[in-house]
């Protein structure tokens, strides 16, 4: 049986590069009416107790209303770090509880916006996810937060968090350990993709994809300058 380079990396990564904790697991609390193109939104996420199933398209009991922009296999789960939420809390002058930004996972001790595209995390005993792309703030997000000039402010700060692709399904719960199992040598971060990668970063991503026989997420490909 042929084993892909990606599968080999998954099987061989026994020494974690970094580790942290899953502070909260959040799923949709209620669908909300929204004047945007879709008409409803699932941005209202709240923490849940106990173990939650992780499937290829995301968390059990969660909903992806607009899969073009906030869903699909490459955007199955949205993660945001507690450190970035704390910075927003300071600026806004109020708490930023888990789920407020529509995230599924609130993590501690693990980089999200500064994660490297393609790095893999193990969450709990079985689940493995891969960092794919940044969250792009939209008008639905702004309407939900009710903060003036929110899209521009969120963009300027650049603490956008990351989307995750599910590599191995299973169950996760608040308090689970998160380990960074592997990190691509190209070193291009989610933040770099969000602000617009340099030509050198684009070349590094493309070369890595060729050498490892892996695919670059379509959302990331669209940001790359012509090389």
N, C-alpha and C. Protein backbone atom coordinates (compact mmCIF):
# COMPACT_ATOMS: atom_id res chain seq x y z
N UNK A 1 0.84 -1.19 0.00
CA UNK A 1 0.00 0.00 0.00
C UNK A 1 0.88 1.24 0.00
N UNK A 2 0.59 2.18 -0.87
CA UNK A 2 1.34 3.43 -0.91
C UNK A 2 0.83 4.36 0.19
N UNK A 3 1.77 4.97 0.90
CA UNK A 3 1.44 5.91 1.95
C UNK A 3 1.93 7.28 1.54
N UNK A 4 1.04 8.27 1.55
CA UNK A 4 1.40 9.62 1.14
C UNK A 4 2.39 10.23 2.11
N UNK A 5 3.18 11.22 1.64
CA UNK A 5 4.08 11.93 2.56
C UNK A 5 3.35 12.53 3.74
N UNK A 6 2.12 13.05 3.50
CA UNK A 6 1.36 13.65 4.60
C UNK A 6 1.02 12.60 5.66
N UNK A 7 0.64 11.40 5.19
CA UNK A 7 0.31 10.33 6.13
C UNK A 7 1.54 9.90 6.91
N UNK A 8 2.69 9.85 6.23
CA UNK A 8 3.92 9.49 6.92
C UNK A 8 4.25 10.48 8.01
N UNK A 9 4.06 11.77 7.74
CA UNK A 9 4.33 12.78 8.75
C UNK A 9 3.42 12.60 9.95
N UNK A 10 2.14 12.28 9.67
CA UNK A 10 1.17 12.11 10.74
C UNK A 10 1.56 10.96 11.64
N UNK A 11 2.02 9.86 11.04
CA UNK A 11 2.34 8.67 11.82
C UNK A 11 3.64 8.82 12.59
N UNK A 12 4.58 9.64 12.09
CA UNK A 12 5.91 9.68 12.67
C UNK A 12 6.12 10.80 13.68
N UNK A 13 5.19 11.75 13.76
CA UNK A 13 5.39 12.90 14.64
C UNK A 13 5.02 12.55 16.08
N UNK A 14 5.98 12.09 16.85
CA UNK A 14 5.71 11.70 18.23
C UNK A 14 6.19 12.74 19.22
N UNK A 15 7.07 13.65 18.80
CA UNK A 15 7.59 14.68 19.68
C UNK A 15 6.93 16.01 19.36
N UNK A 16 6.08 16.52 20.26
CA UNK A 16 5.36 17.76 19.96
C UNK A 16 6.29 18.96 19.89
N UNK A 17 5.97 19.88 18.98
CA UNK A 17 6.73 21.12 18.81
C UNK A 17 6.31 22.14 19.85
N UNK A 18 5.03 22.16 20.16
CA UNK A 18 4.47 23.07 21.16
C UNK A 18 3.22 22.41 21.73
N UNK A 19 2.78 22.91 22.87
CA UNK A 19 1.57 22.34 23.46
C UNK A 19 0.77 23.41 24.18
N UNK A 20 -0.50 23.14 24.33
CA UNK A 20 -1.40 24.07 25.00
C UNK A 20 -2.63 23.33 25.45
N UNK A 21 -3.71 24.09 25.68
CA UNK A 21 -4.93 23.51 26.23
C UNK A 21 -6.15 24.01 25.47
N UNK A 22 -7.10 23.15 25.30
CA UNK A 22 -8.39 23.52 24.72
C UNK A 22 -9.25 24.11 25.83
N UNK A 23 -9.43 25.42 25.82
CA UNK A 23 -10.17 26.09 26.88
C UNK A 23 -11.67 25.87 26.75
N UNK A 24 -12.18 25.89 25.51
CA UNK A 24 -13.62 25.74 25.31
C UNK A 24 -13.90 25.18 23.92
N UNK A 25 -14.99 24.41 23.85
CA UNK A 25 -15.51 23.91 22.58
C UNK A 25 -16.88 24.57 22.40
N UNK A 26 -17.08 25.22 21.27
CA UNK A 26 -18.30 26.00 21.06
C UNK A 26 -19.04 25.52 19.80
N UNK A 27 -20.34 25.43 19.91
CA UNK A 27 -21.19 25.12 18.76
C UNK A 27 -22.30 26.15 18.69
N UNK A 28 -23.04 26.14 17.61
CA UNK A 28 -24.08 27.15 17.41
C UNK A 28 -25.13 27.05 18.53
N UNK A 29 -25.45 28.20 19.09
CA UNK A 29 -26.48 28.27 20.14
C UNK A 29 -27.86 28.41 19.51
N UNK A 30 -27.95 29.28 18.51
CA UNK A 30 -29.20 29.48 17.79
C UNK A 30 -28.90 30.17 16.47
N UNK A 31 -29.62 29.81 15.44
CA UNK A 31 -29.50 30.52 14.17
C UNK A 31 -30.17 31.89 14.32
N UNK A 32 -29.55 32.89 13.71
CA UNK A 32 -30.08 34.25 13.80
C UNK A 32 -30.43 34.77 12.42
N UNK A 33 -31.49 35.52 12.34
CA UNK A 33 -31.81 36.18 11.09
C UNK A 33 -30.75 37.23 10.81
N UNK A 34 -30.42 37.39 9.53
CA UNK A 34 -29.36 38.34 9.16
C UNK A 34 -29.72 38.93 7.80
N UNK A 35 -29.53 40.24 7.62
CA UNK A 35 -29.89 40.87 6.34
C UNK A 35 -28.92 40.59 5.20
N UNK A 36 -27.90 39.79 5.45
CA UNK A 36 -26.95 39.46 4.40
C UNK A 36 -27.55 38.56 3.34
N UNK A 37 -26.71 38.14 2.39
CA UNK A 37 -27.17 37.38 1.22
C UNK A 37 -27.80 36.04 1.60
N UNK A 38 -27.28 35.38 2.64
CA UNK A 38 -27.79 34.06 3.03
C UNK A 38 -29.10 34.17 3.79
N UNK A 39 -29.26 35.22 4.57
CA UNK A 39 -30.52 35.44 5.29
C UNK A 39 -30.50 34.99 6.74
N UNK A 40 -29.63 34.05 7.08
CA UNK A 40 -29.46 33.60 8.46
C UNK A 40 -27.97 33.42 8.72
N UNK A 41 -27.62 33.35 10.00
CA UNK A 41 -26.22 33.15 10.35
C UNK A 41 -26.12 32.21 11.55
N UNK A 42 -25.02 31.45 11.59
CA UNK A 42 -24.74 30.55 12.70
C UNK A 42 -23.59 31.07 13.53
N UNK A 43 -23.36 32.38 13.52
CA UNK A 43 -22.21 32.97 14.21
C UNK A 43 -22.35 32.90 15.73
N UNK A 44 -23.56 32.74 16.24
CA UNK A 44 -23.79 32.72 17.69
C UNK A 44 -23.36 31.38 18.26
N UNK A 45 -22.08 31.28 18.63
CA UNK A 45 -21.53 30.05 19.20
C UNK A 45 -21.41 30.19 20.72
N UNK A 46 -21.65 29.11 21.43
CA UNK A 46 -21.53 29.10 22.89
C UNK A 46 -20.79 27.84 23.33
N UNK A 47 -20.04 27.93 24.43
CA UNK A 47 -19.35 26.73 24.95
C UNK A 47 -20.34 25.65 25.38
N UNK A 48 -19.92 24.41 25.21
CA UNK A 48 -20.73 23.27 25.63
C UNK A 48 -19.90 22.39 26.57
N UNK A 49 -20.59 21.68 27.44
CA UNK A 49 -19.94 20.77 28.37
C UNK A 49 -19.80 19.38 27.76
N UNK A 50 -18.82 18.64 28.24
CA UNK A 50 -18.67 17.26 27.82
C UNK A 50 -17.98 17.11 26.47
N UNK A 51 -17.87 15.86 26.05
CA UNK A 51 -17.19 15.53 24.80
C UNK A 51 -18.06 15.87 23.60
N UNK A 52 -17.39 16.37 22.56
CA UNK A 52 -18.07 16.73 21.31
C UNK A 52 -17.42 15.96 20.16
N UNK A 53 -18.25 15.37 19.32
CA UNK A 53 -17.73 14.64 18.17
C UNK A 53 -17.18 15.61 17.13
N UNK A 54 -16.04 15.23 16.58
CA UNK A 54 -15.43 16.00 15.50
C UNK A 54 -15.54 15.18 14.22
N UNK A 55 -16.22 15.75 13.23
CA UNK A 55 -16.41 15.07 11.95
C UNK A 55 -15.64 15.83 10.87
N UNK A 56 -15.59 15.28 9.69
CA UNK A 56 -14.83 15.90 8.60
C UNK A 56 -15.34 17.29 8.26
N UNK A 57 -16.62 17.54 8.46
CA UNK A 57 -17.19 18.85 8.15
C UNK A 57 -17.35 19.74 9.38
N UNK A 58 -16.77 19.31 10.50
CA UNK A 58 -16.82 20.16 11.67
C UNK A 58 -17.33 19.44 12.91
N UNK A 59 -17.80 20.22 13.86
CA UNK A 59 -18.25 19.68 15.14
C UNK A 59 -19.70 19.22 15.08
N UNK A 60 -19.97 18.11 15.75
CA UNK A 60 -21.34 17.63 15.86
C UNK A 60 -22.19 18.67 16.58
N UNK A 61 -23.38 18.91 16.08
CA UNK A 61 -24.34 19.88 16.62
C UNK A 61 -24.01 21.31 16.23
N UNK A 62 -22.96 21.52 15.44
CA UNK A 62 -22.69 22.85 14.92
C UNK A 62 -23.30 22.95 13.53
N UNK A 63 -23.37 24.17 13.01
CA UNK A 63 -23.98 24.40 11.71
C UNK A 63 -23.12 25.36 10.90
N UNK A 64 -22.95 25.06 9.61
CA UNK A 64 -22.27 25.96 8.68
C UNK A 64 -23.30 26.44 7.68
N UNK A 65 -23.73 27.68 7.84
CA UNK A 65 -24.76 28.22 6.96
C UNK A 65 -24.17 28.67 5.63
N UNK A 66 -23.04 29.36 5.69
CA UNK A 66 -22.39 29.90 4.49
C UNK A 66 -21.09 29.16 4.27
N UNK A 67 -21.17 27.99 3.64
CA UNK A 67 -19.98 27.14 3.51
C UNK A 67 -18.94 27.70 2.54
N UNK A 68 -19.35 28.60 1.67
CA UNK A 68 -18.38 29.20 0.76
C UNK A 68 -17.34 30.02 1.52
N UNK A 69 -17.79 30.71 2.55
CA UNK A 69 -16.90 31.61 3.27
C UNK A 69 -16.53 31.10 4.67
N UNK A 70 -17.37 30.28 5.26
CA UNK A 70 -17.13 29.85 6.65
C UNK A 70 -17.39 28.37 6.83
N UNK A 71 -17.00 27.55 5.89
CA UNK A 71 -17.27 26.13 6.04
C UNK A 71 -16.58 25.30 4.97
N UNK A 72 -17.04 24.07 4.82
CA UNK A 72 -16.38 23.14 3.91
C UNK A 72 -15.25 22.42 4.62
N UNK A 73 -14.63 21.48 3.93
CA UNK A 73 -13.58 20.66 4.54
C UNK A 73 -12.38 21.48 4.99
N UNK A 74 -11.98 22.47 4.19
CA UNK A 74 -10.81 23.26 4.55
C UNK A 74 -11.09 24.29 5.64
N UNK A 75 -12.36 24.52 5.94
CA UNK A 75 -12.75 25.48 6.98
C UNK A 75 -13.75 24.82 7.92
N UNK A 76 -13.46 23.59 8.29
CA UNK A 76 -14.40 22.82 9.09
C UNK A 76 -14.54 23.35 10.51
N UNK A 77 -13.43 23.88 11.06
CA UNK A 77 -13.40 24.34 12.44
C UNK A 77 -12.66 25.67 12.48
N UNK A 78 -13.14 26.60 13.30
CA UNK A 78 -12.48 27.89 13.47
C UNK A 78 -11.92 27.98 14.88
N UNK A 79 -10.63 28.28 14.99
CA UNK A 79 -9.96 28.36 16.28
C UNK A 79 -9.47 29.78 16.55
N UNK A 80 -9.57 30.18 17.81
CA UNK A 80 -9.10 31.50 18.23
C UNK A 80 -8.38 31.36 19.55
N UNK A 81 -7.31 32.12 19.72
CA UNK A 81 -6.50 31.98 20.92
C UNK A 81 -6.99 32.89 22.04
N UNK A 82 -6.80 32.43 23.27
CA UNK A 82 -7.18 33.21 24.44
C UNK A 82 -6.35 34.49 24.53
N UNK A 83 -5.09 34.43 24.10
CA UNK A 83 -4.23 35.61 24.16
C UNK A 83 -4.75 36.71 23.24
N UNK A 84 -5.19 36.35 22.05
CA UNK A 84 -5.73 37.34 21.12
C UNK A 84 -7.07 37.88 21.63
N UNK A 85 -7.88 37.01 22.21
CA UNK A 85 -9.15 37.46 22.78
C UNK A 85 -8.91 38.44 23.92
N UNK A 86 -7.86 38.20 24.71
CA UNK A 86 -7.55 39.10 25.83
C UNK A 86 -7.15 40.49 25.33
N UNK A 87 -6.43 40.54 24.21
CA UNK A 87 -6.06 41.85 23.64
C UNK A 87 -7.31 42.60 23.19
N UNK A 88 -8.25 41.89 22.60
CA UNK A 88 -9.50 42.54 22.19
C UNK A 88 -10.31 42.97 23.42
N UNK A 89 -10.28 42.17 24.46
CA UNK A 89 -11.01 42.53 25.68
C UNK A 89 -10.49 43.83 26.25
N UNK A 90 -9.17 43.99 26.23
CA UNK A 90 -8.58 45.24 26.72
C UNK A 90 -9.03 46.43 25.89
N UNK A 91 -9.06 46.26 24.57
CA UNK A 91 -9.43 47.37 23.69
C UNK A 91 -10.92 47.69 23.79
N UNK A 92 -11.75 46.67 23.89
CA UNK A 92 -13.19 46.88 23.91
C UNK A 92 -13.71 47.26 25.30
N UNK A 93 -12.90 46.96 26.32
CA UNK A 93 -13.32 47.28 27.67
C UNK A 93 -14.41 46.37 28.20
N UNK A 94 -14.45 45.15 27.70
CA UNK A 94 -15.45 44.19 28.16
C UNK A 94 -14.93 42.78 27.86
N UNK A 95 -15.50 41.77 28.51
CA UNK A 95 -15.03 40.40 28.27
C UNK A 95 -15.28 39.96 26.83
N UNK A 96 -14.42 39.08 26.35
CA UNK A 96 -14.61 38.44 25.05
C UNK A 96 -14.68 36.94 25.33
N UNK A 97 -15.86 36.46 25.73
CA UNK A 97 -15.98 35.05 26.12
C UNK A 97 -15.82 34.11 24.93
N UNK A 98 -15.50 32.88 25.21
CA UNK A 98 -15.35 31.88 24.15
C UNK A 98 -16.61 31.80 23.31
N UNK A 99 -16.43 31.83 22.01
CA UNK A 99 -17.54 31.74 21.07
C UNK A 99 -18.03 33.08 20.56
N UNK A 100 -17.64 34.18 21.21
CA UNK A 100 -18.16 35.49 20.80
C UNK A 100 -17.78 35.84 19.38
N UNK A 101 -16.60 35.43 18.94
CA UNK A 101 -16.16 35.74 17.59
C UNK A 101 -16.58 34.66 16.59
N UNK A 102 -17.45 33.76 17.04
CA UNK A 102 -17.92 32.70 16.16
C UNK A 102 -16.98 31.52 16.10
N UNK A 103 -16.01 31.48 17.02
CA UNK A 103 -15.04 30.38 16.97
C UNK A 103 -15.62 29.10 17.57
N UNK A 104 -15.12 27.99 17.08
CA UNK A 104 -15.48 26.68 17.63
C UNK A 104 -14.56 26.28 18.77
N UNK A 105 -13.29 26.69 18.66
CA UNK A 105 -12.30 26.33 19.67
C UNK A 105 -11.65 27.58 20.23
N UNK A 106 -11.63 27.72 21.55
CA UNK A 106 -10.82 28.75 22.21
C UNK A 106 -9.62 28.00 22.81
N UNK A 107 -8.42 28.38 22.39
CA UNK A 107 -7.22 27.65 22.79
C UNK A 107 -6.30 28.52 23.62
N UNK A 108 -5.53 27.88 24.49
CA UNK A 108 -4.57 28.55 25.35
C UNK A 108 -3.19 27.96 25.09
N UNK A 109 -2.20 28.85 24.91
CA UNK A 109 -0.83 28.39 24.73
C UNK A 109 -0.49 27.92 23.34
N UNK A 110 -1.43 28.04 22.41
CA UNK A 110 -1.22 27.64 21.01
C UNK A 110 -1.49 28.85 20.13
N UNK A 111 -0.59 29.11 19.19
CA UNK A 111 -0.79 30.20 18.25
C UNK A 111 -1.86 29.83 17.24
N UNK A 112 -2.70 30.81 16.90
CA UNK A 112 -3.68 30.59 15.83
C UNK A 112 -3.35 31.48 14.63
N UNK A 113 -3.42 32.80 14.82
CA UNK A 113 -3.07 33.69 13.71
C UNK A 113 -1.61 33.53 13.30
N UNK A 114 -0.75 33.23 14.25
CA UNK A 114 0.67 33.05 13.95
C UNK A 114 1.04 31.58 13.73
N UNK A 115 0.03 30.73 13.59
CA UNK A 115 0.30 29.33 13.24
C UNK A 115 0.80 29.26 11.80
N UNK A 116 1.59 28.25 11.51
CA UNK A 116 2.10 28.05 10.16
C UNK A 116 1.08 27.26 9.34
N UNK A 117 0.80 27.73 8.15
CA UNK A 117 -0.14 27.04 7.27
C UNK A 117 0.35 25.61 7.03
N UNK A 118 -0.52 24.65 7.31
CA UNK A 118 -0.16 23.25 7.13
C UNK A 118 0.30 22.54 8.38
N UNK A 119 0.52 23.28 9.48
CA UNK A 119 0.92 22.58 10.71
C UNK A 119 -0.24 21.78 11.24
N UNK A 120 0.09 20.72 11.94
CA UNK A 120 -0.95 19.82 12.43
C UNK A 120 -0.96 19.77 13.95
N UNK A 121 -2.19 19.78 14.49
CA UNK A 121 -2.38 19.70 15.93
C UNK A 121 -3.10 18.40 16.28
N UNK A 122 -2.69 17.81 17.39
CA UNK A 122 -3.46 16.71 17.97
C UNK A 122 -4.21 17.28 19.16
N UNK A 123 -5.51 17.03 19.20
CA UNK A 123 -6.37 17.52 20.28
C UNK A 123 -6.95 16.33 21.01
N UNK A 124 -6.68 16.25 22.30
CA UNK A 124 -7.15 15.09 23.05
C UNK A 124 -6.43 13.83 22.63
N UNK A 125 -7.13 12.72 22.71
CA UNK A 125 -6.50 11.43 22.45
C UNK A 125 -6.41 11.05 20.98
N UNK A 126 -7.32 11.56 20.16
CA UNK A 126 -7.40 11.04 18.80
C UNK A 126 -7.47 12.09 17.69
N UNK A 127 -8.10 13.22 17.93
CA UNK A 127 -8.40 14.15 16.85
C UNK A 127 -7.12 14.83 16.34
N UNK A 128 -6.99 14.91 15.03
CA UNK A 128 -5.88 15.63 14.40
C UNK A 128 -6.47 16.61 13.39
N UNK A 129 -6.00 17.86 13.46
CA UNK A 129 -6.47 18.90 12.55
C UNK A 129 -5.27 19.57 11.90
N UNK A 130 -5.53 20.23 10.77
CA UNK A 130 -4.47 20.92 10.04
C UNK A 130 -4.86 22.38 9.82
N UNK A 131 -3.94 23.29 10.10
CA UNK A 131 -4.16 24.72 9.90
C UNK A 131 -4.22 25.02 8.41
N UNK A 132 -5.27 25.71 7.97
CA UNK A 132 -5.43 25.95 6.53
C UNK A 132 -5.39 27.42 6.12
N UNK A 133 -6.12 28.29 6.82
CA UNK A 133 -6.29 29.65 6.29
C UNK A 133 -6.80 30.60 7.37
N UNK A 134 -6.73 31.92 7.09
CA UNK A 134 -7.24 32.91 8.05
C UNK A 134 -8.75 33.11 7.94
N UNK A 135 -9.32 33.62 8.99
CA UNK A 135 -10.72 34.06 8.97
C UNK A 135 -10.75 35.46 8.33
N UNK A 136 -11.64 35.68 7.41
CA UNK A 136 -11.82 36.99 6.77
C UNK A 136 -13.05 37.65 7.40
N UNK A 137 -12.89 38.78 8.07
CA UNK A 137 -14.05 39.42 8.71
C UNK A 137 -15.07 39.89 7.69
N UNK A 138 -16.32 39.75 8.03
CA UNK A 138 -17.39 40.10 7.09
C UNK A 138 -18.43 40.99 7.77
N UNK A 139 -19.39 41.43 6.99
CA UNK A 139 -20.42 42.33 7.51
C UNK A 139 -21.32 41.63 8.53
N UNK A 140 -21.52 40.32 8.38
CA UNK A 140 -22.31 39.57 9.36
C UNK A 140 -21.65 39.63 10.73
N UNK A 141 -20.34 39.46 10.75
CA UNK A 141 -19.55 39.55 11.98
C UNK A 141 -19.73 40.93 12.62
N UNK A 142 -19.66 41.95 11.80
CA UNK A 142 -19.80 43.33 12.30
C UNK A 142 -21.19 43.56 12.87
N UNK A 143 -22.21 43.08 12.19
CA UNK A 143 -23.57 43.27 12.69
C UNK A 143 -23.77 42.55 14.02
N UNK A 144 -23.18 41.38 14.13
CA UNK A 144 -23.33 40.60 15.36
C UNK A 144 -22.63 41.27 16.55
N UNK A 145 -21.42 41.79 16.32
CA UNK A 145 -20.67 42.44 17.40
C UNK A 145 -21.20 43.82 17.74
N UNK A 146 -21.81 44.50 16.77
CA UNK A 146 -22.33 45.85 16.97
C UNK A 146 -21.25 46.82 17.44
N UNK A 147 -20.08 46.68 16.85
CA UNK A 147 -18.97 47.58 17.13
C UNK A 147 -18.72 48.43 15.89
N UNK A 148 -18.53 49.73 16.10
CA UNK A 148 -18.34 50.65 15.00
C UNK A 148 -17.08 50.31 14.20
N UNK A 149 -17.21 50.33 12.88
CA UNK A 149 -16.07 50.06 11.97
C UNK A 149 -15.39 48.74 12.30
N UNK A 150 -16.17 47.72 12.66
CA UNK A 150 -15.59 46.49 13.16
C UNK A 150 -14.74 45.75 12.12
N UNK A 151 -15.21 45.65 10.90
CA UNK A 151 -14.44 44.93 9.88
C UNK A 151 -13.06 45.56 9.70
N UNK A 152 -13.02 46.88 9.62
CA UNK A 152 -11.74 47.56 9.45
C UNK A 152 -10.86 47.40 10.68
N UNK A 153 -11.43 47.50 11.85
CA UNK A 153 -10.65 47.36 13.09
C UNK A 153 -10.09 45.94 13.22
N UNK A 154 -10.91 44.96 12.93
CA UNK A 154 -10.47 43.56 13.02
C UNK A 154 -9.36 43.30 12.00
N UNK A 155 -9.53 43.88 10.82
CA UNK A 155 -8.52 43.73 9.77
C UNK A 155 -7.21 44.41 10.17
N UNK A 156 -7.31 45.61 10.69
CA UNK A 156 -6.11 46.35 11.08
C UNK A 156 -5.34 45.65 12.19
N UNK A 157 -6.04 45.09 13.15
CA UNK A 157 -5.38 44.37 14.23
C UNK A 157 -4.72 43.10 13.69
N UNK A 158 -5.42 42.42 12.82
CA UNK A 158 -4.84 41.23 12.18
C UNK A 158 -4.86 39.97 13.01
N UNK A 159 -5.46 40.01 14.20
CA UNK A 159 -5.58 38.82 15.03
C UNK A 159 -6.84 38.07 14.59
N UNK A 160 -6.72 37.30 13.53
CA UNK A 160 -7.90 36.74 12.88
C UNK A 160 -8.20 35.29 13.22
N UNK A 161 -7.26 34.60 13.87
CA UNK A 161 -7.48 33.19 14.14
C UNK A 161 -7.30 32.36 12.89
N UNK A 162 -7.55 31.06 13.01
CA UNK A 162 -7.30 30.18 11.85
C UNK A 162 -8.41 29.15 11.68
N UNK A 163 -8.60 28.78 10.43
CA UNK A 163 -9.49 27.67 10.10
C UNK A 163 -8.68 26.38 10.11
N UNK A 164 -9.38 25.29 10.41
CA UNK A 164 -8.75 23.98 10.52
C UNK A 164 -9.47 22.94 9.65
N UNK A 165 -8.70 22.08 9.06
CA UNK A 165 -9.21 20.92 8.33
C UNK A 165 -9.09 19.70 9.24
N UNK A 166 -10.09 18.86 9.26
CA UNK A 166 -10.05 17.67 10.10
C UNK A 166 -9.34 16.54 9.37
N UNK A 167 -8.26 16.07 9.96
CA UNK A 167 -7.48 14.96 9.40
C UNK A 167 -7.92 13.64 10.01
N UNK A 168 -8.13 13.64 11.31
CA UNK A 168 -8.59 12.43 12.00
C UNK A 168 -9.74 12.81 12.91
N UNK A 169 -10.85 12.13 12.77
CA UNK A 169 -12.05 12.42 13.56
C UNK A 169 -11.94 11.79 14.96
N UNK A 170 -12.87 12.15 15.81
CA UNK A 170 -12.89 11.62 17.16
C UNK A 170 -13.73 12.51 18.05
N UNK A 171 -13.35 12.62 19.31
CA UNK A 171 -14.06 13.45 20.26
C UNK A 171 -13.08 14.37 20.99
N UNK A 172 -13.55 15.57 21.32
CA UNK A 172 -12.75 16.53 22.07
C UNK A 172 -13.61 17.14 23.16
N UNK A 173 -12.95 17.72 24.17
CA UNK A 173 -13.68 18.37 25.25
C UNK A 173 -12.80 19.46 25.84
N UNK A 174 -13.43 20.44 26.44
CA UNK A 174 -12.69 21.48 27.14
C UNK A 174 -11.73 20.85 28.14
N UNK A 175 -10.52 21.37 28.19
CA UNK A 175 -9.50 20.82 29.07
C UNK A 175 -8.55 19.86 28.39
N UNK A 176 -8.87 19.44 27.17
CA UNK A 176 -7.98 18.53 26.44
C UNK A 176 -6.65 19.20 26.13
N UNK A 177 -5.61 18.41 26.09
CA UNK A 177 -4.30 18.90 25.68
C UNK A 177 -4.25 19.04 24.17
N UNK A 178 -3.58 20.08 23.71
CA UNK A 178 -3.32 20.28 22.28
C UNK A 178 -1.82 20.24 22.07
N UNK A 179 -1.37 19.46 21.11
CA UNK A 179 0.05 19.43 20.77
C UNK A 179 0.22 19.75 19.29
N UNK A 180 1.22 20.55 18.99
CA UNK A 180 1.59 20.79 17.59
C UNK A 180 2.50 19.65 17.18
N UNK A 181 1.99 18.79 16.30
CA UNK A 181 2.70 17.57 15.92
C UNK A 181 3.74 17.81 14.83
N UNK A 182 3.41 18.68 13.89
CA UNK A 182 4.31 18.94 12.77
C UNK A 182 4.12 20.37 12.30
N UNK A 183 5.18 20.92 11.73
CA UNK A 183 5.15 22.30 11.25
C UNK A 183 5.98 22.39 9.98
N UNK A 184 5.36 22.74 8.85
CA UNK A 184 6.10 22.80 7.59
C UNK A 184 7.28 23.77 7.64
N UNK A 185 8.33 23.40 6.92
CA UNK A 185 9.55 24.20 6.92
C UNK A 185 9.38 25.54 6.21
N UNK A 186 8.35 25.69 5.38
CA UNK A 186 8.20 26.97 4.66
C UNK A 186 7.97 28.14 5.61
N UNK A 187 7.38 27.88 6.78
CA UNK A 187 7.24 28.90 7.81
C UNK A 187 6.23 30.00 7.56
N UNK A 188 5.42 29.90 6.52
CA UNK A 188 4.45 30.95 6.20
C UNK A 188 3.26 30.85 7.14
N UNK A 189 2.97 31.95 7.81
CA UNK A 189 1.91 31.93 8.82
C UNK A 189 0.55 32.36 8.27
N UNK A 190 -0.46 32.07 9.06
CA UNK A 190 -1.82 32.50 8.74
C UNK A 190 -1.88 34.02 8.63
N UNK A 191 -1.17 34.72 9.51
CA UNK A 191 -1.16 36.17 9.48
C UNK A 191 -0.59 36.68 8.15
N UNK A 192 0.48 36.05 7.66
CA UNK A 192 1.07 36.46 6.39
C UNK A 192 0.08 36.28 5.24
N UNK A 193 -0.68 35.19 5.28
CA UNK A 193 -1.68 34.96 4.23
C UNK A 193 -2.76 36.03 4.31
N UNK A 194 -3.14 36.40 5.52
CA UNK A 194 -4.20 37.39 5.69
C UNK A 194 -3.79 38.76 5.16
N UNK A 195 -2.57 39.20 5.47
CA UNK A 195 -2.15 40.54 5.04
C UNK A 195 -1.66 40.55 3.59
N UNK A 196 -1.38 39.38 3.04
CA UNK A 196 -0.90 39.28 1.66
C UNK A 196 0.53 38.78 1.64
N UNK A 197 0.73 37.53 1.25
CA UNK A 197 2.08 36.95 1.30
C UNK A 197 3.03 37.58 0.29
N UNK A 198 4.29 37.63 0.66
CA UNK A 198 5.32 38.13 -0.24
C UNK A 198 5.58 37.11 -1.35
N UNK A 199 6.30 37.54 -2.36
CA UNK A 199 6.68 36.62 -3.43
C UNK A 199 7.49 35.46 -2.88
N UNK A 200 8.39 35.76 -1.93
CA UNK A 200 9.22 34.71 -1.35
C UNK A 200 8.37 33.69 -0.58
N UNK A 201 7.37 34.19 0.15
CA UNK A 201 6.48 33.30 0.88
C UNK A 201 5.69 32.42 -0.07
N UNK A 202 5.21 33.01 -1.16
CA UNK A 202 4.46 32.25 -2.15
C UNK A 202 5.32 31.14 -2.76
N UNK A 203 6.55 31.47 -3.09
CA UNK A 203 7.45 30.48 -3.65
C UNK A 203 7.71 29.34 -2.67
N UNK A 204 7.86 29.70 -1.39
CA UNK A 204 8.11 28.68 -0.38
C UNK A 204 6.90 27.74 -0.23
N UNK A 205 5.70 28.31 -0.24
CA UNK A 205 4.49 27.49 -0.16
C UNK A 205 4.36 26.54 -1.34
N UNK A 206 4.57 27.07 -2.53
CA UNK A 206 4.43 26.26 -3.74
C UNK A 206 5.48 25.17 -3.80
N UNK A 207 6.70 25.47 -3.41
CA UNK A 207 7.77 24.47 -3.41
C UNK A 207 7.47 23.38 -2.39
N UNK A 208 6.97 23.77 -1.24
CA UNK A 208 6.62 22.79 -0.22
C UNK A 208 5.51 21.87 -0.72
N UNK A 209 4.51 22.44 -1.37
CA UNK A 209 3.41 21.63 -1.90
C UNK A 209 3.91 20.63 -2.93
N UNK A 210 4.84 21.07 -3.79
CA UNK A 210 5.39 20.16 -4.81
C UNK A 210 6.21 19.04 -4.18
N UNK A 211 7.05 19.40 -3.24
CA UNK A 211 7.97 18.42 -2.68
C UNK A 211 7.29 17.41 -1.75
N UNK A 212 6.17 17.82 -1.15
CA UNK A 212 5.47 16.92 -0.23
C UNK A 212 4.21 16.31 -0.83
N UNK A 213 3.91 16.70 -2.08
CA UNK A 213 2.72 16.19 -2.77
C UNK A 213 1.45 16.52 -1.98
N UNK A 214 1.38 17.74 -1.47
CA UNK A 214 0.19 18.19 -0.75
C UNK A 214 -0.46 19.34 -1.51
N UNK A 215 -1.72 19.60 -1.19
CA UNK A 215 -2.45 20.67 -1.86
C UNK A 215 -2.50 21.92 -0.99
N UNK A 216 -2.38 23.06 -1.63
CA UNK A 216 -2.55 24.33 -0.95
C UNK A 216 -4.05 24.67 -0.96
N UNK A 217 -4.63 25.01 0.19
CA UNK A 217 -6.06 25.36 0.21
C UNK A 217 -6.39 26.44 -0.81
N UNK A 218 -7.54 26.32 -1.46
CA UNK A 218 -7.93 27.26 -2.51
C UNK A 218 -7.97 28.70 -2.00
N UNK A 219 -8.40 28.88 -0.76
CA UNK A 219 -8.47 30.22 -0.18
C UNK A 219 -7.08 30.84 -0.07
N UNK A 220 -6.07 30.02 0.19
CA UNK A 220 -4.69 30.48 0.28
C UNK A 220 -4.14 30.75 -1.12
N UNK A 221 -4.42 29.86 -2.04
CA UNK A 221 -3.93 30.02 -3.42
C UNK A 221 -4.35 31.36 -4.01
N UNK A 222 -5.57 31.78 -3.69
CA UNK A 222 -6.08 33.03 -4.25
C UNK A 222 -5.31 34.25 -3.75
N UNK A 223 -4.61 34.10 -2.64
CA UNK A 223 -3.86 35.25 -2.10
C UNK A 223 -2.45 35.35 -2.65
N UNK A 224 -1.97 34.33 -3.33
CA UNK A 224 -0.57 34.28 -3.73
C UNK A 224 -0.30 35.18 -4.93
N UNK A 225 0.76 35.97 -4.88
CA UNK A 225 1.14 36.76 -6.05
C UNK A 225 1.67 35.84 -7.14
N UNK A 226 1.68 36.31 -8.36
CA UNK A 226 2.22 35.52 -9.46
C UNK A 226 3.71 35.32 -9.25
N UNK A 227 4.12 34.05 -9.30
CA UNK A 227 5.53 33.76 -9.09
C UNK A 227 6.12 33.09 -10.33
